[in-house]
Amino acid sequence: MNKISIVIIPLIVLFIVFYGYKKKVNIYEAFLSGAKEGLVSTFNIFPTLIAMVFAINIFLKSNFITFVLGFLKPIFKFLSIPLEILPMALLRPISGSSTLVIMSNLFEQFGPDSFVGRLASILQGCTDTTFYVMTLYFGSIKILKTRYALKVGLFADLCGIVAAFIIANLFF
């Protein structure tokens, strides 16, 4: 499999070059045009990404999560949901990299094969970074009115979080 992966990308590039040559396309011009479009897209997305990173840092540094978890502690103890997973569940719609760090810390603390480690893994797969996705996609094409996208995305994340807890409890 390793040898196939080493060979496949050069073969795809060669196929594209030969196909473009056969169709009489100026391959170099097409490449430069695509590179220019990619740079323009990057410059269009960059301000929204900076704003999102800034907002996430404010959210994380304000200790808002600790404040919220203080109120929710009795509820989650009653439902027998580990409190250590809650920061990951709260941050997952906002930032994928922060939840990867939280998951890595949970793996170090409890182990990847523990209930908390498996729950963290399932949670990572059942949810998405809704705010990041909306910022990236809507920001790149300058859509300001997102209508129901945020509500539907957050509802899907909530369903994923609930599904992760149910799946982890059923199988582990």
N, C-alpha and C. Protein backbone atom coordinates (compact mmCIF):
# COMPACT_ATOMS: atom_id res chain seq x y z
N MET A 1 0.81 -1.19 0.00
CA MET A 1 0.00 0.00 0.00
C MET A 1 0.86 1.26 0.00
N ASN A 2 1.99 1.20 0.70
CA ASN A 2 2.88 2.35 0.75
C ASN A 2 3.43 2.68 -0.63
N LYS A 3 3.78 1.65 -1.42
CA LYS A 3 4.32 1.88 -2.75
C LYS A 3 3.26 2.49 -3.66
N ILE A 4 2.01 2.07 -3.49
CA ILE A 4 0.92 2.63 -4.31
C ILE A 4 0.75 4.12 -4.00
N SER A 5 0.80 4.48 -2.73
CA SER A 5 0.62 5.88 -2.36
C SER A 5 1.77 6.76 -2.86
N ILE A 6 2.94 6.19 -2.99
CA ILE A 6 4.08 6.96 -3.51
C ILE A 6 3.93 7.20 -5.01
N VAL A 7 3.34 6.26 -5.72
CA VAL A 7 3.24 6.32 -7.17
C VAL A 7 1.98 7.04 -7.64
N ILE A 8 0.91 7.00 -6.88
CA ILE A 8 -0.39 7.46 -7.37
C ILE A 8 -0.43 8.96 -7.66
N ILE A 9 0.17 9.79 -6.81
CA ILE A 9 0.11 11.25 -7.04
C ILE A 9 0.87 11.64 -8.31
N PRO A 10 2.10 11.16 -8.53
CA PRO A 10 2.74 11.50 -9.80
C PRO A 10 1.95 11.00 -11.02
N LEU A 11 1.31 9.83 -10.89
CA LEU A 11 0.49 9.33 -12.00
C LEU A 11 -0.71 10.24 -12.27
N ILE A 12 -1.33 10.75 -11.22
CA ILE A 12 -2.45 11.67 -11.40
C ILE A 12 -1.99 12.95 -12.08
N VAL A 13 -0.85 13.47 -11.66
CA VAL A 13 -0.30 14.70 -12.27
C VAL A 13 0.02 14.45 -13.75
N LEU A 14 0.65 13.32 -14.04
CA LEU A 14 0.95 13.00 -15.44
C LEU A 14 -0.32 12.84 -16.27
N PHE A 15 -1.33 12.22 -15.70
CA PHE A 15 -2.60 12.08 -16.40
C PHE A 15 -3.20 13.44 -16.72
N ILE A 16 -3.18 14.36 -15.76
CA ILE A 16 -3.72 15.71 -15.98
C ILE A 16 -2.94 16.43 -17.07
N VAL A 17 -1.63 16.31 -17.03
CA VAL A 17 -0.80 16.98 -18.05
C VAL A 17 -1.09 16.40 -19.44
N PHE A 18 -1.12 15.09 -19.55
CA PHE A 18 -1.39 14.47 -20.86
C PHE A 18 -2.81 14.75 -21.34
N TYR A 19 -3.77 14.75 -20.44
CA TYR A 19 -5.15 15.04 -20.80
C TYR A 19 -5.27 16.49 -21.29
N GLY A 20 -4.62 17.42 -20.58
CA GLY A 20 -4.63 18.81 -21.01
C GLY A 20 -3.95 18.99 -22.36
N TYR A 21 -2.85 18.27 -22.57
CA TYR A 21 -2.15 18.34 -23.86
C TYR A 21 -3.03 17.81 -24.98
N LYS A 22 -3.73 16.71 -24.72
CA LYS A 22 -4.60 16.11 -25.73
C LYS A 22 -5.75 17.05 -26.07
N LYS A 23 -6.28 17.75 -25.07
CA LYS A 23 -7.39 18.68 -25.29
C LYS A 23 -6.92 20.06 -25.76
N LYS A 24 -5.61 20.20 -25.97
CA LYS A 24 -4.98 21.43 -26.45
C LYS A 24 -5.22 22.61 -25.50
N VAL A 25 -5.04 22.35 -24.20
CA VAL A 25 -5.17 23.38 -23.17
C VAL A 25 -3.76 23.83 -22.79
N ASN A 26 -3.61 25.15 -22.63
CA ASN A 26 -2.33 25.68 -22.16
C ASN A 26 -2.25 25.37 -20.66
N ILE A 27 -1.54 24.31 -20.33
CA ILE A 27 -1.52 23.79 -18.98
C ILE A 27 -0.88 24.77 -18.01
N TYR A 28 0.19 25.41 -18.43
CA TYR A 28 0.87 26.36 -17.56
C TYR A 28 -0.03 27.54 -17.23
N GLU A 29 -0.73 28.07 -18.23
CA GLU A 29 -1.66 29.19 -18.00
C GLU A 29 -2.80 28.77 -17.08
N ALA A 30 -3.32 27.57 -17.29
CA ALA A 30 -4.40 27.07 -16.44
C ALA A 30 -3.92 26.91 -14.99
N PHE A 31 -2.69 26.43 -14.83
CA PHE A 31 -2.11 26.29 -13.50
C PHE A 31 -1.96 27.64 -12.82
N LEU A 32 -1.42 28.62 -13.53
CA LEU A 32 -1.26 29.96 -12.96
C LEU A 32 -2.60 30.59 -12.61
N SER A 33 -3.59 30.39 -13.46
CA SER A 33 -4.93 30.93 -13.19
C SER A 33 -5.51 30.30 -11.92
N GLY A 34 -5.36 29.01 -11.76
CA GLY A 34 -5.84 28.33 -10.56
C GLY A 34 -5.10 28.80 -9.31
N ALA A 35 -3.80 29.00 -9.44
CA ALA A 35 -3.01 29.48 -8.30
C ALA A 35 -3.46 30.89 -7.89
N LYS A 36 -3.72 31.75 -8.87
CA LYS A 36 -4.21 33.11 -8.57
C LYS A 36 -5.56 33.05 -7.88
N GLU A 37 -6.47 32.20 -8.36
CA GLU A 37 -7.79 32.06 -7.72
C GLU A 37 -7.65 31.56 -6.29
N GLY A 38 -6.72 30.65 -6.07
CA GLY A 38 -6.49 30.14 -4.72
C GLY A 38 -5.99 31.22 -3.78
N LEU A 39 -5.09 32.07 -4.27
CA LEU A 39 -4.59 33.18 -3.44
C LEU A 39 -5.70 34.17 -3.13
N VAL A 40 -6.54 34.47 -4.12
CA VAL A 40 -7.64 35.40 -3.90
C VAL A 40 -8.59 34.82 -2.85
N SER A 41 -8.89 33.54 -2.94
CA SER A 41 -9.76 32.89 -1.94
C SER A 41 -9.14 32.96 -0.56
N THR A 42 -7.83 32.74 -0.48
CA THR A 42 -7.14 32.80 0.80
C THR A 42 -7.24 34.20 1.40
N PHE A 43 -7.02 35.22 0.58
CA PHE A 43 -7.11 36.59 1.09
C PHE A 43 -8.54 36.95 1.47
N ASN A 44 -9.53 36.39 0.82
CA ASN A 44 -10.93 36.65 1.18
C ASN A 44 -11.31 35.97 2.49
N ILE A 45 -10.77 34.80 2.74
CA ILE A 45 -11.11 34.04 3.94
C ILE A 45 -10.32 34.52 5.16
N PHE A 46 -9.14 35.04 4.97
CA PHE A 46 -8.23 35.37 6.05
C PHE A 46 -8.84 36.28 7.13
N PRO A 47 -9.51 37.39 6.78
CA PRO A 47 -10.07 38.23 7.85
C PRO A 47 -11.11 37.51 8.71
N THR A 48 -11.94 36.68 8.11
CA THR A 48 -12.94 35.97 8.90
C THR A 48 -12.29 34.93 9.80
N LEU A 49 -11.22 34.30 9.34
CA LEU A 49 -10.51 33.34 10.18
C LEU A 49 -9.84 34.03 11.37
N ILE A 50 -9.25 35.19 11.12
CA ILE A 50 -8.62 35.95 12.21
C ILE A 50 -9.66 36.35 13.24
N ALA A 51 -10.82 36.81 12.79
CA ALA A 51 -11.89 37.19 13.70
C ALA A 51 -12.36 35.99 14.52
N MET A 52 -12.46 34.83 13.89
CA MET A 52 -12.90 33.63 14.59
C MET A 52 -11.88 33.21 15.64
N VAL A 53 -10.60 33.23 15.30
CA VAL A 53 -9.55 32.85 16.24
C VAL A 53 -9.54 33.81 17.43
N PHE A 54 -9.71 35.09 17.15
CA PHE A 54 -9.75 36.10 18.21
C PHE A 54 -10.93 35.83 19.15
N ALA A 55 -12.11 35.55 18.59
CA ALA A 55 -13.30 35.28 19.40
C ALA A 55 -13.13 34.02 20.24
N ILE A 56 -12.52 32.98 19.67
CA ILE A 56 -12.30 31.74 20.42
C ILE A 56 -11.35 31.99 21.59
N ASN A 57 -10.29 32.76 21.35
CA ASN A 57 -9.35 33.05 22.43
C ASN A 57 -10.01 33.84 23.56
N ILE A 58 -10.87 34.78 23.22
CA ILE A 58 -11.59 35.52 24.26
C ILE A 58 -12.47 34.56 25.05
N PHE A 59 -13.16 33.67 24.35
CA PHE A 59 -14.04 32.70 25.00
C PHE A 59 -13.25 31.79 25.93
N LEU A 60 -12.10 31.30 25.47
CA LEU A 60 -11.31 30.37 26.28
C LEU A 60 -10.66 31.05 27.47
N LYS A 61 -10.14 32.24 27.28
CA LYS A 61 -9.42 32.94 28.34
C LYS A 61 -10.35 33.54 29.39
N SER A 62 -11.64 33.67 29.09
CA SER A 62 -12.56 34.29 30.04
C SER A 62 -13.03 33.33 31.13
N ASN A 63 -12.64 32.07 31.07
CA ASN A 63 -13.06 31.02 32.01
C ASN A 63 -14.57 30.83 32.02
N PHE A 64 -15.21 31.10 30.90
CA PHE A 64 -16.65 30.93 30.78
C PHE A 64 -17.04 29.47 30.93
N ILE A 65 -16.21 28.58 30.41
CA ILE A 65 -16.51 27.15 30.48
C ILE A 65 -16.53 26.68 31.92
N THR A 66 -15.58 27.10 32.73
CA THR A 66 -15.54 26.73 34.14
C THR A 66 -16.78 27.24 34.86
N PHE A 67 -17.20 28.44 34.53
CA PHE A 67 -18.39 29.04 35.12
C PHE A 67 -19.64 28.23 34.78
N VAL A 68 -19.79 27.87 33.51
CA VAL A 68 -20.96 27.11 33.07
C VAL A 68 -20.95 25.71 33.69
N LEU A 69 -19.78 25.09 33.74
CA LEU A 69 -19.70 23.73 34.29
C LEU A 69 -20.05 23.69 35.77
N GLY A 70 -19.81 24.77 36.49
CA GLY A 70 -20.18 24.83 37.90
C GLY A 70 -21.68 24.67 38.10
N PHE A 71 -22.47 25.22 37.20
CA PHE A 71 -23.92 25.11 37.29
C PHE A 71 -24.43 23.74 36.82
N LEU A 72 -23.75 23.16 35.86
CA LEU A 72 -24.22 21.91 35.25
C LEU A 72 -23.73 20.66 35.97
N LYS A 73 -22.85 20.81 36.95
CA LYS A 73 -22.25 19.66 37.63
C LYS A 73 -23.29 18.69 38.21
N PRO A 74 -24.27 19.15 38.96
CA PRO A 74 -25.24 18.19 39.54
C PRO A 74 -26.04 17.43 38.48
N ILE A 75 -26.38 18.09 37.39
CA ILE A 75 -27.17 17.45 36.34
C ILE A 75 -26.39 16.30 35.71
N PHE A 76 -25.13 16.57 35.38
CA PHE A 76 -24.33 15.55 34.70
C PHE A 76 -23.89 14.44 35.65
N LYS A 77 -23.76 14.74 36.94
CA LYS A 77 -23.48 13.66 37.89
C LYS A 77 -24.69 12.74 38.01
N PHE A 78 -25.89 13.32 37.97
CA PHE A 78 -27.10 12.52 38.02
C PHE A 78 -27.21 11.63 36.79
N LEU A 79 -26.82 12.14 35.61
CA LEU A 79 -26.88 11.37 34.37
C LEU A 79 -25.67 10.46 34.19
N SER A 80 -24.75 10.47 35.16
CA SER A 80 -23.50 9.70 35.14
C SER A 80 -22.67 9.97 33.87
N ILE A 81 -22.58 11.23 33.50
CA ILE A 81 -21.74 11.67 32.38
C ILE A 81 -20.48 12.27 32.99
N PRO A 82 -19.30 11.81 32.57
CA PRO A 82 -18.06 12.32 33.15
C PRO A 82 -17.91 13.83 32.90
N LEU A 83 -17.61 14.56 33.95
CA LEU A 83 -17.47 16.01 33.84
C LEU A 83 -16.27 16.42 33.00
N GLU A 84 -15.28 15.55 32.91
CA GLU A 84 -14.06 15.88 32.16
C GLU A 84 -14.33 16.04 30.67
N ILE A 85 -15.42 15.44 30.18
CA ILE A 85 -15.72 15.49 28.75
C ILE A 85 -16.48 16.76 28.37
N LEU A 86 -17.06 17.44 29.34
CA LEU A 86 -17.92 18.58 29.04
C LEU A 86 -17.20 19.74 28.34
N PRO A 87 -15.97 20.11 28.73
CA PRO A 87 -15.32 21.17 27.96
C PRO A 87 -15.18 20.82 26.47
N MET A 88 -14.91 19.56 26.20
CA MET A 88 -14.79 19.13 24.80
C MET A 88 -16.14 19.25 24.09
N ALA A 89 -17.21 18.84 24.77
CA ALA A 89 -18.54 18.91 24.17
C ALA A 89 -18.95 20.36 23.92
N LEU A 90 -18.59 21.26 24.81
CA LEU A 90 -18.95 22.67 24.64
C LEU A 90 -18.14 23.36 23.56
N LEU A 91 -16.85 22.99 23.46
CA LEU A 91 -15.97 23.67 22.50
C LEU A 91 -15.98 23.08 21.11
N ARG A 92 -16.48 21.88 20.95
CA ARG A 92 -16.42 21.21 19.64
C ARG A 92 -17.06 22.02 18.51
N PRO A 93 -18.23 22.64 18.70
CA PRO A 93 -18.78 23.45 17.60
C PRO A 93 -17.96 24.69 17.28
N ILE A 94 -17.08 25.08 18.18
CA ILE A 94 -16.32 26.32 17.99
C ILE A 94 -14.95 26.06 17.39
N SER A 95 -14.22 25.11 17.96
CA SER A 95 -12.83 24.94 17.55
C SER A 95 -12.43 23.47 17.55
N GLY A 96 -12.00 22.98 16.41
CA GLY A 96 -11.53 21.61 16.29
C GLY A 96 -10.19 21.40 16.94
N SER A 97 -9.29 22.37 16.82
CA SER A 97 -7.95 22.19 17.38
C SER A 97 -7.98 22.20 18.90
N SER A 98 -8.84 23.03 19.49
CA SER A 98 -8.91 23.04 20.96
C SER A 98 -9.48 21.72 21.48
N THR A 99 -10.45 21.15 20.76
CA THR A 99 -11.00 19.87 21.21
C THR A 99 -10.02 18.73 21.00
N LEU A 100 -9.16 18.83 20.00
CA LEU A 100 -8.12 17.81 19.84
C LEU A 100 -7.14 17.86 21.01
N VAL A 101 -6.83 19.07 21.47
CA VAL A 101 -5.93 19.21 22.63
C VAL A 101 -6.61 18.64 23.87
N ILE A 102 -7.90 18.95 24.05
CA ILE A 102 -8.63 18.41 25.20
C ILE A 102 -8.67 16.89 25.13
N MET A 103 -8.94 16.35 23.94
CA MET A 103 -8.99 14.90 23.78
C MET A 103 -7.63 14.28 24.08
N SER A 104 -6.57 14.90 23.62
CA SER A 104 -5.22 14.39 23.90
C SER A 104 -4.95 14.39 25.40
N ASN A 105 -5.37 15.45 26.08
CA ASN A 105 -5.19 15.49 27.54
C ASN A 105 -6.02 14.42 28.24
N LEU A 106 -7.22 14.17 27.73
CA LEU A 106 -8.05 13.09 28.30
C LEU A 106 -7.40 11.73 28.08
N PHE A 107 -6.78 11.54 26.91
CA PHE A 107 -6.07 10.29 26.64
C PHE A 107 -4.91 10.11 27.61
N GLU A 108 -4.18 11.19 27.87
CA GLU A 108 -3.05 11.09 28.79
C GLU A 108 -3.52 10.83 30.21
N GLN A 109 -4.63 11.46 30.59
CA GLN A 109 -5.12 11.34 31.96
C GLN A 109 -5.83 10.01 32.20
N PHE A 110 -6.68 9.57 31.28
CA PHE A 110 -7.50 8.39 31.50
C PHE A 110 -7.12 7.21 30.61
N GLY A 111 -6.42 7.47 29.51
CA GLY A 111 -6.07 6.42 28.55
C GLY A 111 -7.09 6.37 27.43
N PRO A 112 -6.64 6.03 26.22
CA PRO A 112 -7.56 6.02 25.08
C PRO A 112 -8.59 4.90 25.13
N ASP A 113 -8.32 3.84 25.90
CA ASP A 113 -9.25 2.72 25.98
C ASP A 113 -10.19 2.82 27.18
N SER A 114 -10.10 3.91 27.93
CA SER A 114 -11.02 4.11 29.05
C SER A 114 -12.37 4.60 28.52
N PHE A 115 -13.36 4.63 29.40
CA PHE A 115 -14.68 5.11 28.99
C PHE A 115 -14.60 6.57 28.54
N VAL A 116 -13.85 7.39 29.27
CA VAL A 116 -13.72 8.81 28.92
C VAL A 116 -12.99 8.95 27.59
N GLY A 117 -11.95 8.17 27.37
CA GLY A 117 -11.21 8.23 26.11
C GLY A 117 -12.06 7.81 24.92
N ARG A 118 -12.82 6.75 25.10
CA ARG A 118 -13.69 6.30 24.00
C ARG A 118 -14.82 7.29 23.76
N LEU A 119 -15.37 7.84 24.83
CA LEU A 119 -16.42 8.85 24.68
C LEU A 119 -15.88 10.08 23.97
N ALA A 120 -14.67 10.50 24.28
CA ALA A 120 -14.05 11.63 23.61
C ALA A 120 -13.86 11.34 22.12
N SER A 121 -13.45 10.14 21.81
CA SER A 121 -13.26 9.75 20.40
C SER A 121 -14.58 9.75 19.64
N ILE A 122 -15.61 9.21 20.27
CA ILE A 122 -16.92 9.18 19.62
C ILE A 122 -17.45 10.60 19.45
N LEU A 123 -17.27 11.42 20.47
CA LEU A 123 -17.72 12.82 20.41
C LEU A 123 -17.01 13.58 19.29
N GLN A 124 -15.74 13.30 19.13
CA GLN A 124 -14.97 13.95 18.06
C GLN A 124 -15.52 13.57 16.69
N GLY A 125 -15.97 12.35 16.54
CA GLY A 125 -16.49 11.90 15.26
C GLY A 125 -17.95 12.25 15.03
N CYS A 126 -18.72 12.44 16.09
CA CYS A 126 -20.16 12.70 15.95
C CYS A 126 -20.50 14.17 15.75
N THR A 127 -19.56 15.05 15.97
CA THR A 127 -19.85 16.48 15.89
C THR A 127 -18.92 17.16 14.89
N ASP A 128 -19.22 18.42 14.62
CA ASP A 128 -18.40 19.17 13.68
C ASP A 128 -18.13 20.56 14.24
N THR A 129 -17.19 21.24 13.65
CA THR A 129 -16.85 22.59 14.06
C THR A 129 -17.74 23.57 13.30
N THR A 130 -18.95 23.71 13.77
CA THR A 130 -19.98 24.47 13.06
C THR A 130 -19.58 25.91 12.81
N PHE A 131 -19.07 26.59 13.83
CA PHE A 131 -18.71 27.99 13.65
C PHE A 131 -17.55 28.15 12.66
N TYR A 132 -16.59 27.23 12.73
CA TYR A 132 -15.47 27.28 11.80
C TYR A 132 -15.94 27.07 10.36
N VAL A 133 -16.79 26.07 10.18
CA VAL A 133 -17.30 25.76 8.84
C VAL A 133 -18.10 26.94 8.29
N MET A 134 -18.94 27.51 9.12
CA MET A 134 -19.74 28.66 8.66
C MET A 134 -18.85 29.85 8.34
N THR A 135 -17.86 30.10 9.19
CA THR A 135 -16.94 31.21 8.94
C THR A 135 -16.19 31.00 7.64
N LEU A 136 -15.70 29.80 7.43
CA LEU A 136 -14.91 29.51 6.24
C LEU A 136 -15.75 29.59 4.98
N TYR A 137 -16.86 28.87 4.95
CA TYR A 137 -17.64 28.77 3.71
C TYR A 137 -18.44 30.03 3.43
N PHE A 138 -19.14 30.54 4.43
CA PHE A 138 -19.92 31.74 4.18
C PHE A 138 -19.03 32.97 4.02
N GLY A 139 -17.93 33.00 4.77
CA GLY A 139 -17.01 34.13 4.66
C GLY A 139 -16.29 34.18 3.33
N SER A 140 -16.00 33.01 2.76
CA SER A 140 -15.24 32.99 1.50
C SER A 140 -16.06 33.52 0.33
N ILE A 141 -17.38 33.37 0.40
CA ILE A 141 -18.21 33.88 -0.69
C ILE A 141 -19.07 35.06 -0.24
N LYS A 142 -18.71 35.62 0.92
CA LYS A 142 -19.29 36.86 1.44
C LYS A 142 -20.80 36.78 1.65
N ILE A 143 -21.28 35.69 2.21
CA ILE A 143 -22.68 35.59 2.59
C ILE A 143 -22.81 36.14 4.01
N LEU A 144 -23.66 37.15 4.17
CA LEU A 144 -23.84 37.76 5.47
C LEU A 144 -25.07 37.22 6.20
N LYS A 145 -26.09 36.87 5.47
CA LYS A 145 -27.31 36.35 6.07
C LYS A 145 -27.31 34.82 5.95
N THR A 146 -27.05 34.17 7.06
CA THR A 146 -26.91 32.72 7.04
C THR A 146 -28.23 32.00 7.27
N ARG A 147 -29.26 32.73 7.54
CA ARG A 147 -30.61 32.23 7.75
C ARG A 147 -30.64 31.15 8.83
N TYR A 148 -30.93 29.92 8.49
CA TYR A 148 -31.08 28.86 9.48
C TYR A 148 -29.82 28.00 9.64
N ALA A 149 -28.78 28.32 8.94
CA ALA A 149 -27.60 27.45 8.93
C ALA A 149 -26.99 27.27 10.32
N LEU A 150 -26.87 28.34 11.08
CA LEU A 150 -26.28 28.24 12.41
C LEU A 150 -27.16 27.40 13.34
N LYS A 151 -28.46 27.65 13.31
CA LYS A 151 -29.37 26.90 14.17
C LYS A 151 -29.35 25.41 13.82
N VAL A 152 -29.39 25.11 12.54
CA VAL A 152 -29.38 23.71 12.12
C VAL A 152 -28.04 23.06 12.45
N GLY A 153 -26.94 23.76 12.23
CA GLY A 153 -25.62 23.22 12.55
C GLY A 153 -25.45 22.94 14.03
N LEU A 154 -25.90 23.87 14.88
CA LEU A 154 -25.79 23.66 16.32
C LEU A 154 -26.74 22.55 16.80
N PHE A 155 -27.92 22.46 16.18
CA PHE A 155 -28.83 21.37 16.52
C PHE A 155 -28.21 20.02 16.13
N ALA A 156 -27.56 19.98 14.98
CA ALA A 156 -26.87 18.74 14.56
C ALA A 156 -25.75 18.40 15.53
N ASP A 157 -25.03 19.41 16.02
CA ASP A 157 -23.98 19.16 17.01
C ASP A 157 -24.58 18.63 18.31
N LEU A 158 -25.70 19.21 18.74
CA LEU A 158 -26.36 18.73 19.94
C LEU A 158 -26.79 17.27 19.77
N CYS A 159 -27.36 16.95 18.63
CA CYS A 159 -27.73 15.56 18.34
C CYS A 159 -26.51 14.65 18.35
N GLY A 160 -25.39 15.13 17.80
CA GLY A 160 -24.16 14.34 17.81
C GLY A 160 -23.62 14.12 19.21
N ILE A 161 -23.72 15.15 20.06
CA ILE A 161 -23.25 15.03 21.44
C ILE A 161 -24.10 14.00 22.19
N VAL A 162 -25.42 14.12 22.05
CA VAL A 162 -26.32 13.17 22.71
C VAL A 162 -26.07 11.75 22.17
N ALA A 163 -25.91 11.64 20.85
CA ALA A 163 -25.64 10.33 20.25
C ALA A 163 -24.33 9.75 20.78
N ALA A 164 -23.32 10.59 20.93
CA ALA A 164 -22.02 10.12 21.46
C ALA A 164 -22.18 9.56 22.86
N PHE A 165 -22.93 10.25 23.72
CA PHE A 165 -23.14 9.75 25.07
C PHE A 165 -23.93 8.44 25.06
N ILE A 166 -24.94 8.36 24.23
CA ILE A 166 -25.74 7.13 24.15
C ILE A 166 -24.91 5.98 23.60
N ILE A 167 -24.17 6.20 22.53
CA ILE A 167 -23.35 5.15 21.93
C ILE A 167 -22.29 4.66 22.90
N ALA A 168 -21.62 5.61 23.58
CA ALA A 168 -20.58 5.21 24.54
C ALA A 168 -21.18 4.40 25.68
N ASN A 169 -22.35 4.79 26.15
CA ASN A 169 -22.96 4.03 27.26
C ASN A 169 -23.47 2.67 26.80
N LEU A 170 -23.93 2.57 25.56
CA LEU A 170 -24.42 1.28 25.07
C LEU A 170 -23.30 0.28 24.83
N PHE A 171 -22.20 0.76 24.26
CA PHE A 171 -21.15 -0.17 23.86
C PHE A 171 -19.99 -0.29 24.86
N PHE A 172 -19.85 0.67 25.75
CA PHE A 172 -18.70 0.61 26.66
C PHE A 172 -19.19 0.75 28.09
